[in-house]
Amino acid sequence: MSSYNKFGDYRHIRGGRHELWLVLLLTLLGAMTGYWGYRPLEDFTLTYRQRLIELLNLKDTTKFPCYSTFRRVMTTVNFQLLTELFNTWQR
């Protein structure tokens, strides 16, 4: 059964291999450094894998999302709400 949270994550439990916060953070970091699009975001995670693991204090075994995961998440997340939450946080 699918779950729904305030970010509009409709992923099936089997589709939640990557934590939503990680996918969204990687999307944000990638976009801020010029990696626009699903495949460029995957390239971002491949290029900066070790640095991201260190920066985010992740396990060395952490798997990063592929381009299709970025696509699925980006098509289901409520980016209006996410933008509002981010803007509130950054203020």
PDB file of N, CA and C in Angstrom:
ATOM      1  N   MET A   1       0.833  -1.180   0.000  1.00  0.00           N
ATOM      2  CA  MET A   1       0.000   0.000   0.000  1.00  0.00           C
ATOM      3  C   MET A   1       0.876   1.241   0.000  1.00  0.00           C
ATOM      4  N   SER A   2       0.509   2.211  -0.757  1.00  0.00           N
ATOM      5  CA  SER A   2       1.257   3.452  -0.820  1.00  0.00           C
ATOM      6  C   SER A   2       0.998   4.298   0.406  1.00  0.00           C
ATOM      7  N   SER A   3       2.002   5.065   0.776  1.00  0.00           N
ATOM      8  CA  SER A   3       1.818   5.996   1.880  1.00  0.00           C
ATOM      9  C   SER A   3       1.880   7.408   1.324  1.00  0.00           C
ATOM     10  N   TYR A   4       1.349   8.329   2.085  1.00  0.00           N
ATOM     11  CA  TYR A   4       1.340   9.726   1.662  1.00  0.00           C
ATOM     12  C   TYR A   4       1.845  10.551   2.826  1.00  0.00           C
ATOM     13  N   ASN A   5       2.757  11.450   2.562  1.00  0.00           N
ATOM     14  CA  ASN A   5       3.172  12.374   3.609  1.00  0.00           C
ATOM     15  C   ASN A   5       2.995  13.788   3.108  1.00  0.00           C
ATOM     16  N   LYS A   6       3.354  14.756   3.932  1.00  0.00           N
ATOM     17  CA  LYS A   6       3.084  16.144   3.571  1.00  0.00           C
ATOM     18  C   LYS A   6       3.853  16.628   2.354  1.00  0.00           C
ATOM     19  N   PHE A   7       4.866  15.894   1.904  1.00  0.00           N
ATOM     20  CA  PHE A   7       5.600  16.279   0.706  1.00  0.00           C
ATOM     21  C   PHE A   7       5.030  15.629  -0.553  1.00  0.00           C
ATOM     22  N   GLY A   8       3.989  14.837  -0.422  1.00  0.00           N
ATOM     23  CA  GLY A   8       3.387  14.219  -1.593  1.00  0.00           C
ATOM     24  C   GLY A   8       4.160  13.015  -2.095  1.00  0.00           C
ATOM     25  N   ASP A   9       4.832  12.309  -1.222  1.00  0.00           N
ATOM     26  CA  ASP A   9       5.602  11.127  -1.600  1.00  0.00           C
ATOM     27  C   ASP A   9       4.649   9.943  -1.713  1.00  0.00           C
ATOM     28  N   TYR A  10       4.316   9.576  -2.935  1.00  0.00           N
ATOM     29  CA  TYR A  10       3.375   8.491  -3.176  1.00  0.00           C
ATOM     30  C   TYR A  10       4.069   7.158  -3.417  1.00  0.00           C
ATOM     31  N   ARG A  11       5.366   7.112  -3.159  1.00  0.00           N
ATOM     32  CA  ARG A  11       6.101   5.898  -3.481  1.00  0.00           C
ATOM     33  C   ARG A  11       5.588   4.710  -2.683  1.00  0.00           C
ATOM     34  N   HIS A  12       5.521   3.584  -3.353  1.00  0.00           N
ATOM     35  CA  HIS A  12       5.183   2.330  -2.712  1.00  0.00           C
ATOM     36  C   HIS A  12       6.308   1.995  -1.747  1.00  0.00           C
ATOM     37  N   ILE A  13       6.026   1.255  -0.709  1.00  0.00           N
ATOM     38  CA  ILE A  13       7.048   0.928   0.278  1.00  0.00           C
ATOM     39  C   ILE A  13       8.276   0.290  -0.380  1.00  0.00           C
ATOM     40  N   ARG A  14       8.072  -0.513  -1.425  1.00  0.00           N
ATOM     41  CA  ARG A  14       9.211  -1.105  -2.135  1.00  0.00           C
ATOM     42  C   ARG A  14       9.959  -0.057  -2.935  1.00  0.00           C
ATOM     43  N   GLY A  15       9.289   1.029  -3.278  1.00  0.00           N
ATOM     44  CA  GLY A  15       9.934   2.089  -4.045  1.00  0.00           C
ATOM     45  C   GLY A  15      10.643   3.097  -3.172  1.00  0.00           C
ATOM     46  N   GLY A  16      10.604   2.901  -1.873  1.00  0.00           N
ATOM     47  CA  GLY A  16      11.242   3.822  -0.954  1.00  0.00           C
ATOM     48  C   GLY A  16      12.645   3.389  -0.565  1.00  0.00           C
ATOM     49  N   ARG A  17      13.382   2.859  -1.500  1.00  0.00           N
ATOM     50  CA  ARG A  17      14.744   2.378  -1.239  1.00  0.00           C
ATOM     51  C   ARG A  17      15.633   3.494  -0.705  1.00  0.00           C
ATOM     52  N   HIS A  18      15.418   4.694  -1.206  1.00  0.00           N
ATOM     53  CA  HIS A  18      16.191   5.853  -0.780  1.00  0.00           C
ATOM     54  C   HIS A  18      15.274   6.752   0.048  1.00  0.00           C
ATOM     55  N   GLU A  19      15.784   7.210   1.170  1.00  0.00           N
ATOM     56  CA  GLU A  19      14.983   8.080   2.012  1.00  0.00           C
ATOM     57  C   GLU A  19      14.633   9.343   1.228  1.00  0.00           C
ATOM     58  N   LEU A  20      13.403   9.799   1.393  1.00  0.00           N
ATOM     59  CA  LEU A  20      12.935  10.976   0.659  1.00  0.00           C
ATOM     60  C   LEU A  20      13.802  12.192   0.954  1.00  0.00           C
ATOM     61  N   TRP A  21      14.201  12.390   2.200  1.00  0.00           N
ATOM     62  CA  TRP A  21      15.028  13.554   2.540  1.00  0.00           C
ATOM     63  C   TRP A  21      16.325  13.547   1.752  1.00  0.00           C
ATOM     64  N   LEU A  22      16.898  12.351   1.545  1.00  0.00           N
ATOM     65  CA  LEU A  22      18.159  12.258   0.814  1.00  0.00           C
ATOM     66  C   LEU A  22      17.961  12.592  -0.662  1.00  0.00           C
ATOM     67  N   VAL A  23      16.914  12.079  -1.261  1.00  0.00           N
ATOM     68  CA  VAL A  23      16.645  12.364  -2.673  1.00  0.00           C
ATOM     69  C   VAL A  23      16.397  13.861  -2.864  1.00  0.00           C
ATOM     70  N   LEU A  24      15.626  14.460  -1.973  1.00  0.00           N
ATOM     71  CA  LEU A  24      15.340  15.890  -2.087  1.00  0.00           C
ATOM     72  C   LEU A  24      16.585  16.733  -1.843  1.00  0.00           C
ATOM     73  N   LEU A  25      17.388  16.356  -0.869  1.00  0.00           N
ATOM     74  CA  LEU A  25      18.613  17.105  -0.601  1.00  0.00           C
ATOM     75  C   LEU A  25      19.588  16.992  -1.766  1.00  0.00           C
ATOM     76  N   LEU A  26      19.739  15.808  -2.330  1.00  0.00           N
ATOM     77  CA  LEU A  26      20.617  15.636  -3.492  1.00  0.00           C
ATOM     78  C   LEU A  26      20.104  16.433  -4.687  1.00  0.00           C
ATOM     79  N   THR A  27      18.793  16.487  -4.853  1.00  0.00           N
ATOM     80  CA  THR A  27      18.197  17.284  -5.922  1.00  0.00           C
ATOM     81  C   THR A  27      18.530  18.754  -5.726  1.00  0.00           C
ATOM     82  N   LEU A  28      18.377  19.230  -4.518  1.00  0.00           N
ATOM     83  CA  LEU A  28      18.671  20.630  -4.205  1.00  0.00           C
ATOM     84  C   LEU A  28      20.152  20.946  -4.393  1.00  0.00           C
ATOM     85  N   LEU A  29      21.021  20.117  -3.820  1.00  0.00           N
ATOM     86  CA  LEU A  29      22.459  20.354  -3.956  1.00  0.00           C
ATOM     87  C   LEU A  29      22.908  20.281  -5.411  1.00  0.00           C
ATOM     88  N   GLY A  30      22.399  19.299  -6.127  1.00  0.00           N
ATOM     89  CA  GLY A  30      22.750  19.165  -7.540  1.00  0.00           C
ATOM     90  C   GLY A  30      22.300  20.360  -8.353  1.00  0.00           C
ATOM     91  N   ALA A  31      21.077  20.792  -8.130  1.00  0.00           N
ATOM     92  CA  ALA A  31      20.546  21.947  -8.864  1.00  0.00           C
ATOM     93  C   ALA A  31      21.334  23.215  -8.547  1.00  0.00           C
ATOM     94  N   MET A  32      21.726  23.370  -7.286  1.00  0.00           N
ATOM     95  CA  MET A  32      22.482  24.561  -6.889  1.00  0.00           C
ATOM     96  C   MET A  32      23.874  24.599  -7.528  1.00  0.00           C
ATOM     97  N   THR A  33      24.360  23.459  -7.966  1.00  0.00           N
ATOM     98  CA  THR A  33      25.680  23.400  -8.591  1.00  0.00           C
ATOM     99  C   THR A  33      25.605  23.160 -10.096  1.00  0.00           C
ATOM    100  N   GLY A  34      24.401  23.351 -10.657  1.00  0.00           N
ATOM    101  CA  GLY A  34      24.260  23.309 -12.111  1.00  0.00           C
ATOM    102  C   GLY A  34      23.877  21.985 -12.723  1.00  0.00           C
ATOM    103  N   TYR A  35      23.535  21.016 -11.917  1.00  0.00           N
ATOM    104  CA  TYR A  35      23.129  19.705 -12.434  1.00  0.00           C
ATOM    105  C   TYR A  35      21.608  19.675 -12.555  1.00  0.00           C
ATOM    106  N   TRP A  36      21.116  20.138 -13.688  1.00  0.00           N
ATOM    107  CA  TRP A  36      19.676  20.225 -13.937  1.00  0.00           C
ATOM    108  C   TRP A  36      19.218  19.022 -14.735  1.00  0.00           C
ATOM    109  N   GLY A  37      18.211  18.333 -14.259  1.00  0.00           N
ATOM    110  CA  GLY A  37      17.662  17.186 -14.975  1.00  0.00           C
ATOM    111  C   GLY A  37      17.981  15.893 -14.256  1.00  0.00           C
ATOM    112  N   TYR A  38      17.285  14.851 -14.639  1.00  0.00           N
ATOM    113  CA  TYR A  38      17.407  13.563 -13.964  1.00  0.00           C
ATOM    114  C   TYR A  38      18.778  12.936 -14.148  1.00  0.00           C
ATOM    115  N   ARG A  39      19.228  12.840 -15.379  1.00  0.00           N
ATOM    116  CA  ARG A  39      20.542  12.227 -15.634  1.00  0.00           C
ATOM    117  C   ARG A  39      21.687  13.068 -15.077  1.00  0.00           C
ATOM    118  N   PRO A  40      21.648  14.389 -15.220  1.00  0.00           N
ATOM    119  CA  PRO A  40      22.705  15.180 -14.579  1.00  0.00           C
ATOM    120  C   PRO A  40      22.731  15.016 -13.052  1.00  0.00           C
ATOM    121  N   LEU A  41      21.572  14.843 -12.428  1.00  0.00           N
ATOM    122  CA  LEU A  41      21.558  14.611 -10.985  1.00  0.00           C
ATOM    123  C   LEU A  41      22.224  13.287 -10.636  1.00  0.00           C
ATOM    124  N   GLU A  42      22.002  12.289 -11.453  1.00  0.00           N
ATOM    125  CA  GLU A  42      22.691  11.015 -11.233  1.00  0.00           C
ATOM    126  C   GLU A  42      24.194  11.208 -11.409  1.00  0.00           C
ATOM    127  N   ASP A  43      24.604  11.978 -12.422  1.00  0.00           N
ATOM    128  CA  ASP A  43      26.023  12.275 -12.626  1.00  0.00           C
ATOM    129  C   ASP A  43      26.609  12.995 -11.415  1.00  0.00           C
ATOM    130  N   PHE A  44      25.835  13.916 -10.848  1.00  0.00           N
ATOM    131  CA  PHE A  44      26.264  14.643  -9.657  1.00  0.00           C
ATOM    132  C   PHE A  44      26.587  13.675  -8.524  1.00  0.00           C
ATOM    133  N   THR A  45      25.699  12.714  -8.294  1.00  0.00           N
ATOM    134  CA  THR A  45      25.929  11.772  -7.198  1.00  0.00           C
ATOM    135  C   THR A  45      27.119  10.858  -7.481  1.00  0.00           C
ATOM    136  N   LEU A  46      27.343  10.537  -8.739  1.00  0.00           N
ATOM    137  CA  LEU A  46      28.495   9.705  -9.083  1.00  0.00           C
ATOM    138  C   LEU A  46      29.798  10.493  -8.944  1.00  0.00           C
ATOM    139  N   THR A  47      29.791  11.732  -9.378  1.00  0.00           N
ATOM    140  CA  THR A  47      30.988  12.574  -9.329  1.00  0.00           C
ATOM    141  C   THR A  47      31.396  12.908  -7.899  1.00  0.00           C
ATOM    142  N   TYR A  48      30.413  13.208  -7.056  1.00  0.00           N
ATOM    143  CA  TYR A  48      30.699  13.678  -5.698  1.00  0.00           C
ATOM    144  C   TYR A  48      30.332  12.668  -4.614  1.00  0.00           C
ATOM    145  N   ARG A  49      30.227  11.419  -4.989  1.00  0.00           N
ATOM    146  CA  ARG A  49      29.792  10.368  -4.067  1.00  0.00           C
ATOM    147  C   ARG A  49      30.520  10.406  -2.722  1.00  0.00           C
ATOM    148  N   GLN A  50      31.835  10.293  -2.744  1.00  0.00           N
ATOM    149  CA  GLN A  50      32.594  10.220  -1.496  1.00  0.00           C
ATOM    150  C   GLN A  50      32.459  11.501  -0.687  1.00  0.00           C
ATOM    151  N   ARG A  51      32.479  12.629  -1.345  1.00  0.00           N
ATOM    152  CA  ARG A  51      32.340  13.912  -0.632  1.00  0.00           C
ATOM    153  C   ARG A  51      30.950  14.031   0.005  1.00  0.00           C
ATOM    154  N   LEU A  52      29.914  13.583  -0.704  1.00  0.00           N
ATOM    155  CA  LEU A  52      28.557  13.617  -0.159  1.00  0.00           C
ATOM    156  C   LEU A  52      28.424  12.699   1.051  1.00  0.00           C
ATOM    157  N   ILE A  53      29.046  11.547   0.980  1.00  0.00           N
ATOM    158  CA  ILE A  53      29.011  10.613   2.109  1.00  0.00           C
ATOM    159  C   ILE A  53      29.643  11.261   3.339  1.00  0.00           C
ATOM    160  N   GLU A  54      30.778  11.910   3.133  1.00  0.00           N
ATOM    161  CA  GLU A  54      31.450  12.579   4.250  1.00  0.00           C
ATOM    162  C   GLU A  54      30.631  13.759   4.757  1.00  0.00           C
ATOM    163  N   LEU A  55      30.182  14.594   3.847  1.00  0.00           N
ATOM    164  CA  LEU A  55      29.441  15.804   4.215  1.00  0.00           C
ATOM    165  C   LEU A  55      28.152  15.488   4.965  1.00  0.00           C
ATOM    166  N   LEU A  56      27.448  14.460   4.514  1.00  0.00           N
ATOM    167  CA  LEU A  56      26.153  14.106   5.097  1.00  0.00           C
ATOM    168  C   LEU A  56      26.257  13.038   6.189  1.00  0.00           C
ATOM    169  N   ASN A  57      27.507  12.631   6.479  1.00  0.00           N
ATOM    170  CA  ASN A  57      27.748  11.630   7.517  1.00  0.00           C
ATOM    171  C   ASN A  57      26.964  10.343   7.241  1.00  0.00           C
ATOM    172  N   LEU A  58      27.052   9.868   6.004  1.00  0.00           N
ATOM    173  CA  LEU A  58      26.365   8.650   5.584  1.00  0.00           C
ATOM    174  C   LEU A  58      27.310   7.466   5.670  1.00  0.00           C
ATOM    175  N   LYS A  59      26.752   6.281   5.675  1.00  0.00           N
ATOM    176  CA  LYS A  59      27.565   5.067   5.643  1.00  0.00           C
ATOM    177  C   LYS A  59      28.227   4.942   4.274  1.00  0.00           C
ATOM    178  N   ASP A  60      29.420   4.351   4.243  1.00  0.00           N
ATOM    179  CA  ASP A  60      30.119   4.143   2.971  1.00  0.00           C
ATOM    180  C   ASP A  60      29.330   3.257   2.017  1.00  0.00           C
ATOM    181  N   THR A  61      28.424   2.471   2.558  1.00  0.00           N
ATOM    182  CA  THR A  61      27.628   1.553   1.738  1.00  0.00           C
ATOM    183  C   THR A  61      26.360   2.207   1.186  1.00  0.00           C
ATOM    184  N   THR A  62      26.151   3.488   1.495  1.00  0.00           N
ATOM    185  CA  THR A  62      24.947   4.183   1.042  1.00  0.00           C
ATOM    186  C   THR A  62      24.870   4.164  -0.477  1.00  0.00           C
ATOM    187  N   LYS A  63      23.717   3.781  -0.980  1.00  0.00           N
ATOM    188  CA  LYS A  63      23.482   3.803  -2.427  1.00  0.00           C
ATOM    189  C   LYS A  63      22.715   5.074  -2.751  1.00  0.00           C
ATOM    190  N   PHE A  64      23.149   5.734  -3.814  1.00  0.00           N
ATOM    191  CA  PHE A  64      22.482   6.954  -4.230  1.00  0.00           C
ATOM    192  C   PHE A  64      21.485   6.642  -5.339  1.00  0.00           C
ATOM    193  N   PRO A  65      20.462   7.475  -5.481  1.00  0.00           N
ATOM    194  CA  PRO A  65      19.414   7.223  -6.464  1.00  0.00           C
ATOM    195  C   PRO A  65      19.925   7.307  -7.898  1.00  0.00           C
ATOM    196  N   CYS A  66      19.296   6.537  -8.758  1.00  0.00           N
ATOM    197  CA  CYS A  66      19.584   6.622 -10.192  1.00  0.00           C
ATOM    198  C   CYS A  66      18.655   7.680 -10.800  1.00  0.00           C
ATOM    199  N   TYR A  67      18.854   7.967 -12.076  1.00  0.00           N
ATOM    200  CA  TYR A  67      18.073   9.031 -12.718  1.00  0.00           C
ATOM    201  C   TYR A  67      16.576   8.752 -12.659  1.00  0.00           C
ATOM    202  N   SER A  68      16.170   7.487 -12.779  1.00  0.00           N
ATOM    203  CA  SER A  68      14.736   7.193 -12.779  1.00  0.00           C
ATOM    204  C   SER A  68      14.117   7.431 -11.398  1.00  0.00           C
ATOM    205  N   THR A  69      14.892   7.251 -10.342  1.00  0.00           N
ATOM    206  CA  THR A  69      14.393   7.561  -9.003  1.00  0.00           C
ATOM    207  C   THR A  69      14.209   9.065  -8.851  1.00  0.00           C
ATOM    208  N   PHE A  70      15.184   9.844  -9.326  1.00  0.00           N
ATOM    209  CA  PHE A  70      15.021  11.298  -9.298  1.00  0.00           C
ATOM    210  C   PHE A  70      13.759  11.698 -10.059  1.00  0.00           C
ATOM    211  N   ARG A  71      13.536  11.080 -11.211  1.00  0.00           N
ATOM    212  CA  ARG A  71      12.364  11.399 -12.030  1.00  0.00           C
ATOM    213  C   ARG A  71      11.073  11.074 -11.289  1.00  0.00           C
ATOM    214  N   ARG A  72      11.001   9.877 -10.736  1.00  0.00           N
ATOM    215  CA  ARG A  72       9.776   9.475 -10.026  1.00  0.00           C
ATOM    216  C   ARG A  72       9.487  10.391  -8.842  1.00  0.00           C
ATOM    217  N   VAL A  73      10.508  10.705  -8.072  1.00  0.00           N
ATOM    218  CA  VAL A  73      10.287  11.567  -6.907  1.00  0.00           C
ATOM    219  C   VAL A  73       9.892  12.968  -7.352  1.00  0.00           C
ATOM    220  N   MET A  74      10.570  13.494  -8.342  1.00  0.00           N
ATOM    221  CA  MET A  74      10.293  14.859  -8.773  1.00  0.00           C
ATOM    222  C   MET A  74       8.918  15.008  -9.414  1.00  0.00           C
ATOM    223  N   THR A  75       8.360  13.930  -9.909  1.00  0.00           N
ATOM    224  CA  THR A  75       7.025  14.017 -10.502  1.00  0.00           C
ATOM    225  C   THR A  75       5.909  13.810  -9.475  1.00  0.00           C
ATOM    226  N   THR A  76       6.272  13.398  -8.255  1.00  0.00           N
ATOM    227  CA  THR A  76       5.237  13.154  -7.244  1.00  0.00           C
ATOM    228  C   THR A  76       5.282  14.114  -6.069  1.00  0.00           C
ATOM    229  N   VAL A  77       6.406  14.770  -5.863  1.00  0.00           N
ATOM    230  CA  VAL A  77       6.545  15.660  -4.706  1.00  0.00           C
ATOM    231  C   VAL A  77       5.847  16.987  -4.961  1.00  0.00           C
ATOM    232  N   ASN A  78       5.214  17.496  -3.944  1.00  0.00           N
ATOM    233  CA  ASN A  78       4.556  18.796  -4.000  1.00  0.00           C
ATOM    234  C   ASN A  78       5.623  19.875  -3.829  1.00  0.00           C
ATOM    235  N   PHE A  79       6.157  20.374  -4.958  1.00  0.00           N
ATOM    236  CA  PHE A  79       7.257  21.322  -4.894  1.00  0.00           C
ATOM    237  C   PHE A  79       6.821  22.704  -4.423  1.00  0.00           C
ATOM    238  N   GLN A  80       5.563  23.030  -4.537  1.00  0.00           N
ATOM    239  CA  GLN A  80       5.077  24.300  -3.995  1.00  0.00           C
ATOM    240  C   GLN A  80       5.237  24.285  -2.476  1.00  0.00           C
ATOM    241  N   LEU A  81       4.799  23.215  -1.853  1.00  0.00           N
ATOM    242  CA  LEU A  81       4.930  23.077  -0.408  1.00  0.00           C
ATOM    243  C   LEU A  81       6.402  23.004  -0.010  1.00  0.00           C
ATOM    244  N   LEU A  82       7.183  22.231  -0.735  1.00  0.00           N
ATOM    245  CA  LEU A  82       8.598  22.113  -0.434  1.00  0.00           C
ATOM    246  C   LEU A  82       9.300  23.464  -0.533  1.00  0.00           C
ATOM    247  N   THR A  83       8.971  24.255  -1.540  1.00  0.00           N
ATOM    248  CA  THR A  83       9.551  25.589  -1.711  1.00  0.00           C
ATOM    249  C   THR A  83       9.187  26.480  -0.538  1.00  0.00           C
ATOM    250  N   GLU A  84       7.943  26.438  -0.127  1.00  0.00           N
ATOM    251  CA  GLU A  84       7.500  27.249   1.007  1.00  0.00           C
ATOM    252  C   GLU A  84       8.235  26.844   2.287  1.00  0.00           C
ATOM    253  N   LEU A  85       8.377  25.535   2.522  1.00  0.00           N
ATOM    254  CA  LEU A  85       9.089  25.062   3.703  1.00  0.00           C
ATOM    255  C   LEU A  85      10.560  25.456   3.659  1.00  0.00           C
ATOM    256  N   PHE A  86      11.163  25.328   2.485  1.00  0.00           N
ATOM    257  CA  PHE A  86      12.571  25.704   2.347  1.00  0.00           C
ATOM    258  C   PHE A  86      12.759  27.196   2.585  1.00  0.00           C
ATOM    259  N   ASN A  87      11.906  28.021   2.004  1.00  0.00           N
ATOM    260  CA  ASN A  87      12.024  29.460   2.184  1.00  0.00           C
ATOM    261  C   ASN A  87      11.827  29.875   3.634  1.00  0.00           C
ATOM    262  N   THR A  88      10.910  29.207   4.331  1.00  0.00           N
ATOM    263  CA  THR A  88      10.700  29.479   5.749  1.00  0.00           C
ATOM    264  C   THR A  88      11.957  29.100   6.540  1.00  0.00           C
ATOM    265  N   TRP A  89      12.526  27.945   6.227  1.00  0.00           N
ATOM    266  CA  TRP A  89      13.728  27.486   6.915  1.00  0.00           C
ATOM    267  C   TRP A  89      14.896  28.437   6.675  1.00  0.00           C
ATOM    268  N   GLN A  90      15.106  28.867   5.441  1.00  0.00           N
ATOM    269  CA  GLN A  90      16.281  29.683   5.143  1.00  0.00           C
ATOM    270  C   GLN A  90      16.180  31.092   5.708  1.00  0.00           C
ATOM    271  N   ARG A  91      14.969  31.553   6.013  1.00  0.00           N
ATOM    272  CA  ARG A  91      14.820  32.873   6.652  1.00  0.00           C
ATOM    273  C   ARG A  91      15.261  32.795   8.074  1.00  0.00           C
TER     274      ARG A  91
END
